[in-house]
Amino acid sequence: MDHAAGVDLVAQGKPAPDLIEHVRLAAAVPREAVCFVGDSEYDARAARAAGVVFVGFRRSGDWRIESLRELPELIDG
């Protein structure tokens, strides 16, 4: 099942972890099974605050990707 949410559903936007937590809980996924993809320092800080893996899109992170095409292999691999 896919889940999407906007900042209008949470108390605080990035870099607060609220949005990541909202989607994680809605999907009933354990924290260790979540990664957050982003391209900004706000994204990286939100992922760290939520305690999830940060995948940097064309930037440093726990993992780094240059193309979104790399994401499925990274997740499934």
PDB file of N, CA and C in Angstrom:
ATOM      1  N   MET A   1       0.839  -1.173   0.000  1.00  0.00           N
ATOM      2  CA  MET A   1       0.000   0.000   0.000  1.00  0.00           C
ATOM      3  C   MET A   1       0.885   1.237   0.000  1.00  0.00           C
ATOM      4  N   ASP A   2       0.531   2.219  -0.780  1.00  0.00           N
ATOM      5  CA  ASP A   2       1.270   3.468  -0.845  1.00  0.00           C
ATOM      6  C   ASP A   2       0.650   4.488   0.096  1.00  0.00           C
ATOM      7  N   HIS A   3       1.499   5.336   0.638  1.00  0.00           N
ATOM      8  CA  HIS A   3       1.041   6.400   1.529  1.00  0.00           C
ATOM      9  C   HIS A   3       1.701   7.698   1.121  1.00  0.00           C
ATOM     10  N   ALA A   4       0.934   8.731   1.111  1.00  0.00           N
ATOM     11  CA  ALA A   4       1.458  10.059   0.837  1.00  0.00           C
ATOM     12  C   ALA A   4       0.834  11.022   1.825  1.00  0.00           C
ATOM     13  N   ALA A   5       1.582  12.036   2.188  1.00  0.00           N
ATOM     14  CA  ALA A   5       1.073  13.022   3.134  1.00  0.00           C
ATOM     15  C   ALA A   5       1.740  14.349   2.860  1.00  0.00           C
ATOM     16  N   GLY A   6       1.035  15.392   3.171  1.00  0.00           N
ATOM     17  CA  GLY A   6       1.577  16.734   3.049  1.00  0.00           C
ATOM     18  C   GLY A   6       1.760  17.343   4.420  1.00  0.00           C
ATOM     19  N   VAL A   7       2.488  18.414   4.452  1.00  0.00           N
ATOM     20  CA  VAL A   7       2.798  19.070   5.720  1.00  0.00           C
ATOM     21  C   VAL A   7       1.535  19.566   6.423  1.00  0.00           C
ATOM     22  N   ASP A   8       0.435  19.681   5.693  1.00  0.00           N
ATOM     23  CA  ASP A   8      -0.814  20.128   6.313  1.00  0.00           C
ATOM     24  C   ASP A   8      -1.385  19.097   7.286  1.00  0.00           C
ATOM     25  N   LEU A   9      -0.862  17.884   7.294  1.00  0.00           N
ATOM     26  CA  LEU A   9      -1.357  16.830   8.179  1.00  0.00           C
ATOM     27  C   LEU A   9      -0.582  16.708   9.485  1.00  0.00           C
ATOM     28  N   VAL A  10       0.471  17.493   9.638  1.00  0.00           N
ATOM     29  CA  VAL A  10       1.316  17.377  10.825  1.00  0.00           C
ATOM     30  C   VAL A  10       1.516  18.743  11.476  1.00  0.00           C
ATOM     31  N   ALA A  11       1.989  18.703  12.724  1.00  0.00           N
ATOM     32  CA  ALA A  11       2.189  19.942  13.477  1.00  0.00           C
ATOM     33  C   ALA A  11       3.341  20.774  12.923  1.00  0.00           C
ATOM     34  N   GLN A  12       4.431  20.113  12.537  1.00  0.00           N
ATOM     35  CA  GLN A  12       5.613  20.826  12.062  1.00  0.00           C
ATOM     36  C   GLN A  12       6.168  20.178  10.804  1.00  0.00           C
ATOM     37  N   GLY A  13       6.646  21.001   9.895  1.00  0.00           N
ATOM     38  CA  GLY A  13       7.298  20.506   8.692  1.00  0.00           C
ATOM     39  C   GLY A  13       8.769  20.254   8.932  1.00  0.00           C
ATOM     40  N   LYS A  14       9.475  19.899   7.878  1.00  0.00           N
ATOM     41  CA  LYS A  14      10.904  19.644   7.973  1.00  0.00           C
ATOM     42  C   LYS A  14      11.602  20.884   8.505  1.00  0.00           C
ATOM     43  N   PRO A  15      12.586  20.740   9.332  1.00  0.00           N
ATOM     44  CA  PRO A  15      13.335  19.530   9.631  1.00  0.00           C
ATOM     45  C   PRO A  15      12.768  18.694  10.779  1.00  0.00           C
ATOM     46  N   ALA A  16      11.597  19.026  11.286  1.00  0.00           N
ATOM     47  CA  ALA A  16      10.975  18.174  12.305  1.00  0.00           C
ATOM     48  C   ALA A  16      10.653  16.811  11.675  1.00  0.00           C
ATOM     49  N   PRO A  17      10.649  15.749  12.457  1.00  0.00           N
ATOM     50  CA  PRO A  17      10.402  14.412  11.925  1.00  0.00           C
ATOM     51  C   PRO A  17       8.913  14.078  11.746  1.00  0.00           C
ATOM     52  N   ASP A  18       8.036  15.024  12.013  1.00  0.00           N
ATOM     53  CA  ASP A  18       6.598  14.752  12.063  1.00  0.00           C
ATOM     54  C   ASP A  18       6.041  14.080  10.803  1.00  0.00           C
ATOM     55  N   LEU A  19       6.411  14.580   9.632  1.00  0.00           N
ATOM     56  CA  LEU A  19       5.865  14.033   8.396  1.00  0.00           C
ATOM     57  C   LEU A  19       6.341  12.604   8.147  1.00  0.00           C
ATOM     58  N   ILE A  20       7.604  12.343   8.408  1.00  0.00           N
ATOM     59  CA  ILE A  20       8.134  10.985   8.247  1.00  0.00           C
ATOM     60  C   ILE A  20       7.426  10.036   9.208  1.00  0.00           C
ATOM     61  N   GLU A  21       7.268  10.466  10.443  1.00  0.00           N
ATOM     62  CA  GLU A  21       6.580   9.634  11.441  1.00  0.00           C
ATOM     63  C   GLU A  21       5.122   9.392  11.053  1.00  0.00           C
ATOM     64  N   HIS A  22       4.465  10.401  10.540  1.00  0.00           N
ATOM     65  CA  HIS A  22       3.066  10.261  10.129  1.00  0.00           C
ATOM     66  C   HIS A  22       2.921   9.158   9.070  1.00  0.00           C
ATOM     67  N   VAL A  23       3.763   9.223   8.061  1.00  0.00           N
ATOM     68  CA  VAL A  23       3.687   8.223   6.984  1.00  0.00           C
ATOM     69  C   VAL A  23       4.099   6.849   7.499  1.00  0.00           C
ATOM     70  N   ARG A  24       5.142   6.787   8.316  1.00  0.00           N
ATOM     71  CA  ARG A  24       5.597   5.500   8.861  1.00  0.00           C
ATOM     72  C   ARG A  24       4.503   4.831   9.674  1.00  0.00           C
ATOM     73  N   LEU A  25       3.844   5.582  10.514  1.00  0.00           N
ATOM     74  CA  LEU A  25       2.772   5.012  11.337  1.00  0.00           C
ATOM     75  C   LEU A  25       1.559   4.632  10.496  1.00  0.00           C
ATOM     76  N   ALA A  26       1.216   5.454   9.511  1.00  0.00           N
ATOM     77  CA  ALA A  26       0.087   5.139   8.627  1.00  0.00           C
ATOM     78  C   ALA A  26       0.330   3.847   7.850  1.00  0.00           C
ATOM     79  N   ALA A  27       1.587   3.617   7.497  1.00  0.00           N
ATOM     80  CA  ALA A  27       1.948   2.412   6.748  1.00  0.00           C
ATOM     81  C   ALA A  27       2.218   1.232   7.666  1.00  0.00           C
ATOM     82  N   ALA A  28       2.246   1.484   8.971  1.00  0.00           N
ATOM     83  CA  ALA A  28       2.524   0.443   9.967  1.00  0.00           C
ATOM     84  C   ALA A  28       3.844  -0.262   9.671  1.00  0.00           C
ATOM     85  N   VAL A  29       4.879   0.550   9.453  1.00  0.00           N
ATOM     86  CA  VAL A  29       6.200   0.043   9.108  1.00  0.00           C
ATOM     87  C   VAL A  29       7.157   0.335  10.270  1.00  0.00           C
ATOM     88  N   PRO A  30       7.965  -0.642  10.660  1.00  0.00           N
ATOM     89  CA  PRO A  30       8.932  -0.375  11.738  1.00  0.00           C
ATOM     90  C   PRO A  30       9.988   0.633  11.274  1.00  0.00           C
ATOM     91  N   ARG A  31      10.469   1.410  12.196  1.00  0.00           N
ATOM     92  CA  ARG A  31      11.441   2.472  11.906  1.00  0.00           C
ATOM     93  C   ARG A  31      12.647   1.946  11.120  1.00  0.00           C
ATOM     94  N   GLU A  32      13.116   0.753  11.475  1.00  0.00           N
ATOM     95  CA  GLU A  32      14.317   0.225  10.815  1.00  0.00           C
ATOM     96  C   GLU A  32      14.069  -0.185   9.361  1.00  0.00           C
ATOM     97  N   ALA A  33      12.818  -0.198   8.929  1.00  0.00           N
ATOM     98  CA  ALA A  33      12.490  -0.543   7.545  1.00  0.00           C
ATOM     99  C   ALA A  33      12.234   0.694   6.684  1.00  0.00           C
ATOM    100  N   VAL A  34      12.476   1.878   7.241  1.00  0.00           N
ATOM    101  CA  VAL A  34      12.158   3.129   6.545  1.00  0.00           C
ATOM    102  C   VAL A  34      13.430   3.812   6.059  1.00  0.00           C
ATOM    103  N   CYS A  35      13.356   4.339   4.844  1.00  0.00           N
ATOM    104  CA  CYS A  35      14.382   5.265   4.386  1.00  0.00           C
ATOM    105  C   CYS A  35      13.670   6.493   3.838  1.00  0.00           C
ATOM    106  N   PHE A  36      14.348   7.611   3.933  1.00  0.00           N
ATOM    107  CA  PHE A  36      13.801   8.878   3.466  1.00  0.00           C
ATOM    108  C   PHE A  36      14.756   9.436   2.439  1.00  0.00           C
ATOM    109  N   VAL A  37      14.248   9.741   1.257  1.00  0.00           N
ATOM    110  CA  VAL A  37      15.063  10.260   0.170  1.00  0.00           C
ATOM    111  C   VAL A  37      14.902  11.775   0.119  1.00  0.00           C
ATOM    112  N   GLY A  38      16.002  12.473   0.036  1.00  0.00           N
ATOM    113  CA  GLY A  38      15.912  13.919  -0.044  1.00  0.00           C
ATOM    114  C   GLY A  38      17.156  14.539  -0.641  1.00  0.00           C
ATOM    115  N   ASP A  39      17.032  15.831  -0.946  1.00  0.00           N
ATOM    116  CA  ASP A  39      18.145  16.533  -1.586  1.00  0.00           C
ATOM    117  C   ASP A  39      18.573  17.796  -0.842  1.00  0.00           C
ATOM    118  N   SER A  40      18.122  17.936   0.389  1.00  0.00           N
ATOM    119  CA  SER A  40      18.463  19.154   1.123  1.00  0.00           C
ATOM    120  C   SER A  40      18.904  18.837   2.546  1.00  0.00           C
ATOM    121  N   GLU A  41      19.507  19.817   3.173  1.00  0.00           N
ATOM    122  CA  GLU A  41      19.901  19.660   4.569  1.00  0.00           C
ATOM    123  C   GLU A  41      18.671  19.486   5.455  1.00  0.00           C
ATOM    124  N   TYR A  42      17.554  20.146   5.106  1.00  0.00           N
ATOM    125  CA  TYR A  42      16.316  19.966   5.867  1.00  0.00           C
ATOM    126  C   TYR A  42      15.846  18.515   5.819  1.00  0.00           C
ATOM    127  N   ASP A  43      15.966  17.888   4.649  1.00  0.00           N
ATOM    128  CA  ASP A  43      15.595  16.481   4.506  1.00  0.00           C
ATOM    129  C   ASP A  43      16.487  15.597   5.372  1.00  0.00           C
ATOM    130  N   ALA A  44      17.786  15.852   5.331  1.00  0.00           N
ATOM    131  CA  ALA A  44      18.733  15.055   6.118  1.00  0.00           C
ATOM    132  C   ALA A  44      18.451  15.203   7.610  1.00  0.00           C
ATOM    133  N   ARG A  45      18.181  16.409   8.051  1.00  0.00           N
ATOM    134  CA  ARG A  45      17.898  16.640   9.467  1.00  0.00           C
ATOM    135  C   ARG A  45      16.590  15.974   9.882  1.00  0.00           C
ATOM    136  N   ALA A  46      15.580  16.003   9.023  1.00  0.00           N
ATOM    137  CA  ALA A  46      14.302  15.348   9.339  1.00  0.00           C
ATOM    138  C   ALA A  46      14.494  13.846   9.474  1.00  0.00           C
ATOM    139  N   ALA A  47      15.265  13.246   8.568  1.00  0.00           N
ATOM    140  CA  ALA A  47      15.525  11.801   8.634  1.00  0.00           C
ATOM    141  C   ALA A  47      16.263  11.443   9.913  1.00  0.00           C
ATOM    142  N   ARG A  48      17.287  12.231  10.250  1.00  0.00           N
ATOM    143  CA  ARG A  48      18.037  11.970  11.487  1.00  0.00           C
ATOM    144  C   ARG A  48      17.119  12.086  12.705  1.00  0.00           C
ATOM    145  N   ALA A  49      16.277  13.116  12.726  1.00  0.00           N
ATOM    146  CA  ALA A  49      15.367  13.311  13.861  1.00  0.00           C
ATOM    147  C   ALA A  49      14.355  12.180  13.973  1.00  0.00           C
ATOM    148  N   ALA A  50      13.970  11.599  12.827  1.00  0.00           N
ATOM    149  CA  ALA A  50      13.019  10.488  12.822  1.00  0.00           C
ATOM    150  C   ALA A  50      13.697   9.151  13.090  1.00  0.00           C
ATOM    151  N   GLY A  51      15.017   9.125  13.059  1.00  0.00           N
ATOM    152  CA  GLY A  51      15.743   7.884  13.312  1.00  0.00           C
ATOM    153  C   GLY A  51      15.679   6.897  12.163  1.00  0.00           C
ATOM    154  N   VAL A  52      15.599   7.424  10.922  1.00  0.00           N
ATOM    155  CA  VAL A  52      15.537   6.555   9.748  1.00  0.00           C
ATOM    156  C   VAL A  52      16.747   6.814   8.852  1.00  0.00           C
ATOM    157  N   VAL A  53      16.999   5.893   7.946  1.00  0.00           N
ATOM    158  CA  VAL A  53      18.099   6.018   6.990  1.00  0.00           C
ATOM    159  C   VAL A  53      17.799   7.168   6.033  1.00  0.00           C
ATOM    160  N   PHE A  54      18.802   7.992   5.803  1.00  0.00           N
ATOM    161  CA  PHE A  54      18.661   9.084   4.844  1.00  0.00           C
ATOM    162  C   PHE A  54      19.392   8.726   3.564  1.00  0.00           C
ATOM    163  N   VAL A  55      18.650   8.717   2.468  1.00  0.00           N
ATOM    164  CA  VAL A  55      19.227   8.493   1.142  1.00  0.00           C
ATOM    165  C   VAL A  55      19.365   9.857   0.491  1.00  0.00           C
ATOM    166  N   GLY A  56      20.603  10.284   0.321  1.00  0.00           N
ATOM    167  CA  GLY A  56      20.848  11.573  -0.304  1.00  0.00           C
ATOM    168  C   GLY A  56      20.713  11.476  -1.807  1.00  0.00           C
ATOM    169  N   PHE A  57      19.883  12.335  -2.374  1.00  0.00           N
ATOM    170  CA  PHE A  57      19.717  12.411  -3.827  1.00  0.00           C
ATOM    171  C   PHE A  57      20.693  13.465  -4.331  1.00  0.00           C
ATOM    172  N   ARG A  58      21.763  12.971  -4.943  1.00  0.00           N
ATOM    173  CA  ARG A  58      22.845  13.820  -5.438  1.00  0.00           C
ATOM    174  C   ARG A  58      23.496  14.636  -4.324  1.00  0.00           C
ATOM    175  N   ARG A  59      23.542  14.036  -3.135  1.00  0.00           N
ATOM    176  CA  ARG A  59      24.204  14.654  -1.973  1.00  0.00           C
ATOM    177  C   ARG A  59      24.554  13.548  -1.000  1.00  0.00           C
ATOM    178  N   SER A  60      25.369  13.861  -0.029  1.00  0.00           N
ATOM    179  CA  SER A  60      25.770  12.851   0.936  1.00  0.00           C
ATOM    180  C   SER A  60      24.608  12.475   1.850  1.00  0.00           C
ATOM    181  N   GLY A  61      24.671  11.271   2.357  1.00  0.00           N
ATOM    182  CA  GLY A  61      23.686  10.753   3.288  1.00  0.00           C
ATOM    183  C   GLY A  61      24.176   9.407   3.789  1.00  0.00           C
ATOM    184  N   ASP A  62      23.292   8.657   4.454  1.00  0.00           N
ATOM    185  CA  ASP A  62      23.674   7.296   4.836  1.00  0.00           C
ATOM    186  C   ASP A  62      23.971   6.493   3.579  1.00  0.00           C
ATOM    187  N   TRP A  63      23.192   6.737   2.548  1.00  0.00           N
ATOM    188  CA  TRP A  63      23.407   6.215   1.203  1.00  0.00           C
ATOM    189  C   TRP A  63      23.284   7.394   0.257  1.00  0.00           C
ATOM    190  N   ARG A  64      23.837   7.258  -0.918  1.00  0.00           N
ATOM    191  CA  ARG A  64      23.759   8.326  -1.916  1.00  0.00           C
ATOM    192  C   ARG A  64      23.329   7.733  -3.243  1.00  0.00           C
ATOM    193  N   ILE A  65      22.424   8.426  -3.920  1.00  0.00           N
ATOM    194  CA  ILE A  65      22.028   8.043  -5.272  1.00  0.00           C
ATOM    195  C   ILE A  65      22.148   9.261  -6.179  1.00  0.00           C
ATOM    196  N   GLU A  66      22.416   8.997  -7.432  1.00  0.00           N
ATOM    197  CA  GLU A  66      22.491  10.067  -8.432  1.00  0.00           C
ATOM    198  C   GLU A  66      21.238  10.113  -9.286  1.00  0.00           C
ATOM    199  N   SER A  67      20.496   9.017  -9.298  1.00  0.00           N
ATOM    200  CA  SER A  67      19.278   8.906 -10.101  1.00  0.00           C
ATOM    201  C   SER A  67      18.238   8.135  -9.304  1.00  0.00           C
ATOM    202  N   LEU A  68      16.986   8.517  -9.422  1.00  0.00           N
ATOM    203  CA  LEU A  68      15.928   7.783  -8.722  1.00  0.00           C
ATOM    204  C   LEU A  68      15.805   6.352  -9.232  1.00  0.00           C
ATOM    205  N   ARG A  69      16.339   6.083 -10.414  1.00  0.00           N
ATOM    206  CA  ARG A  69      16.340   4.707 -10.938  1.00  0.00           C
ATOM    207  C   ARG A  69      17.175   3.772 -10.067  1.00  0.00           C
ATOM    208  N   GLU A  70      18.083   4.317  -9.299  1.00  0.00           N
ATOM    209  CA  GLU A  70      18.931   3.516  -8.410  1.00  0.00           C
ATOM    210  C   GLU A  70      18.202   3.056  -7.158  1.00  0.00           C
ATOM    211  N   LEU A  71      17.116   3.712  -6.820  1.00  0.00           N
ATOM    212  CA  LEU A  71      16.449   3.457  -5.546  1.00  0.00           C
ATOM    213  C   LEU A  71      15.914   2.035  -5.403  1.00  0.00           C
ATOM    214  N   PRO A  72      15.195   1.470  -6.378  1.00  0.00           N
ATOM    215  CA  PRO A  72      14.684   0.101  -6.176  1.00  0.00           C
ATOM    216  C   PRO A  72      15.785  -0.919  -5.876  1.00  0.00           C
ATOM    217  N   GLU A  73      16.903  -0.828  -6.578  1.00  0.00           N
ATOM    218  CA  GLU A  73      18.002  -1.770  -6.327  1.00  0.00           C
ATOM    219  C   GLU A  73      18.592  -1.555  -4.937  1.00  0.00           C
ATOM    220  N   LEU A  74      18.690  -0.314  -4.533  1.00  0.00           N
ATOM    221  CA  LEU A  74      19.224   0.002  -3.208  1.00  0.00           C
ATOM    222  C   LEU A  74      18.329  -0.571  -2.131  1.00  0.00           C
ATOM    223  N   ILE A  75      17.039  -0.433  -2.275  1.00  0.00           N
ATOM    224  CA  ILE A  75      16.083  -0.911  -1.281  1.00  0.00           C
ATOM    225  C   ILE A  75      15.991  -2.429  -1.284  1.00  0.00           C
ATOM    226  N   ASP A  76      15.934  -3.027  -2.468  1.00  0.00           N
ATOM    227  CA  ASP A  76      15.762  -4.470  -2.579  1.00  0.00           C
ATOM    228  C   ASP A  76      17.066  -5.228  -2.384  1.00  0.00           C
ATOM    229  N   GLY A  77      18.180  -4.560  -2.623  1.00  0.00           N
ATOM    230  CA  GLY A  77      19.485  -5.209  -2.605  1.00  0.00           C
ATOM    231  C   GLY A  77      19.932  -5.550  -1.240  1.00  0.00           C
TER     232      GLY A  77
END
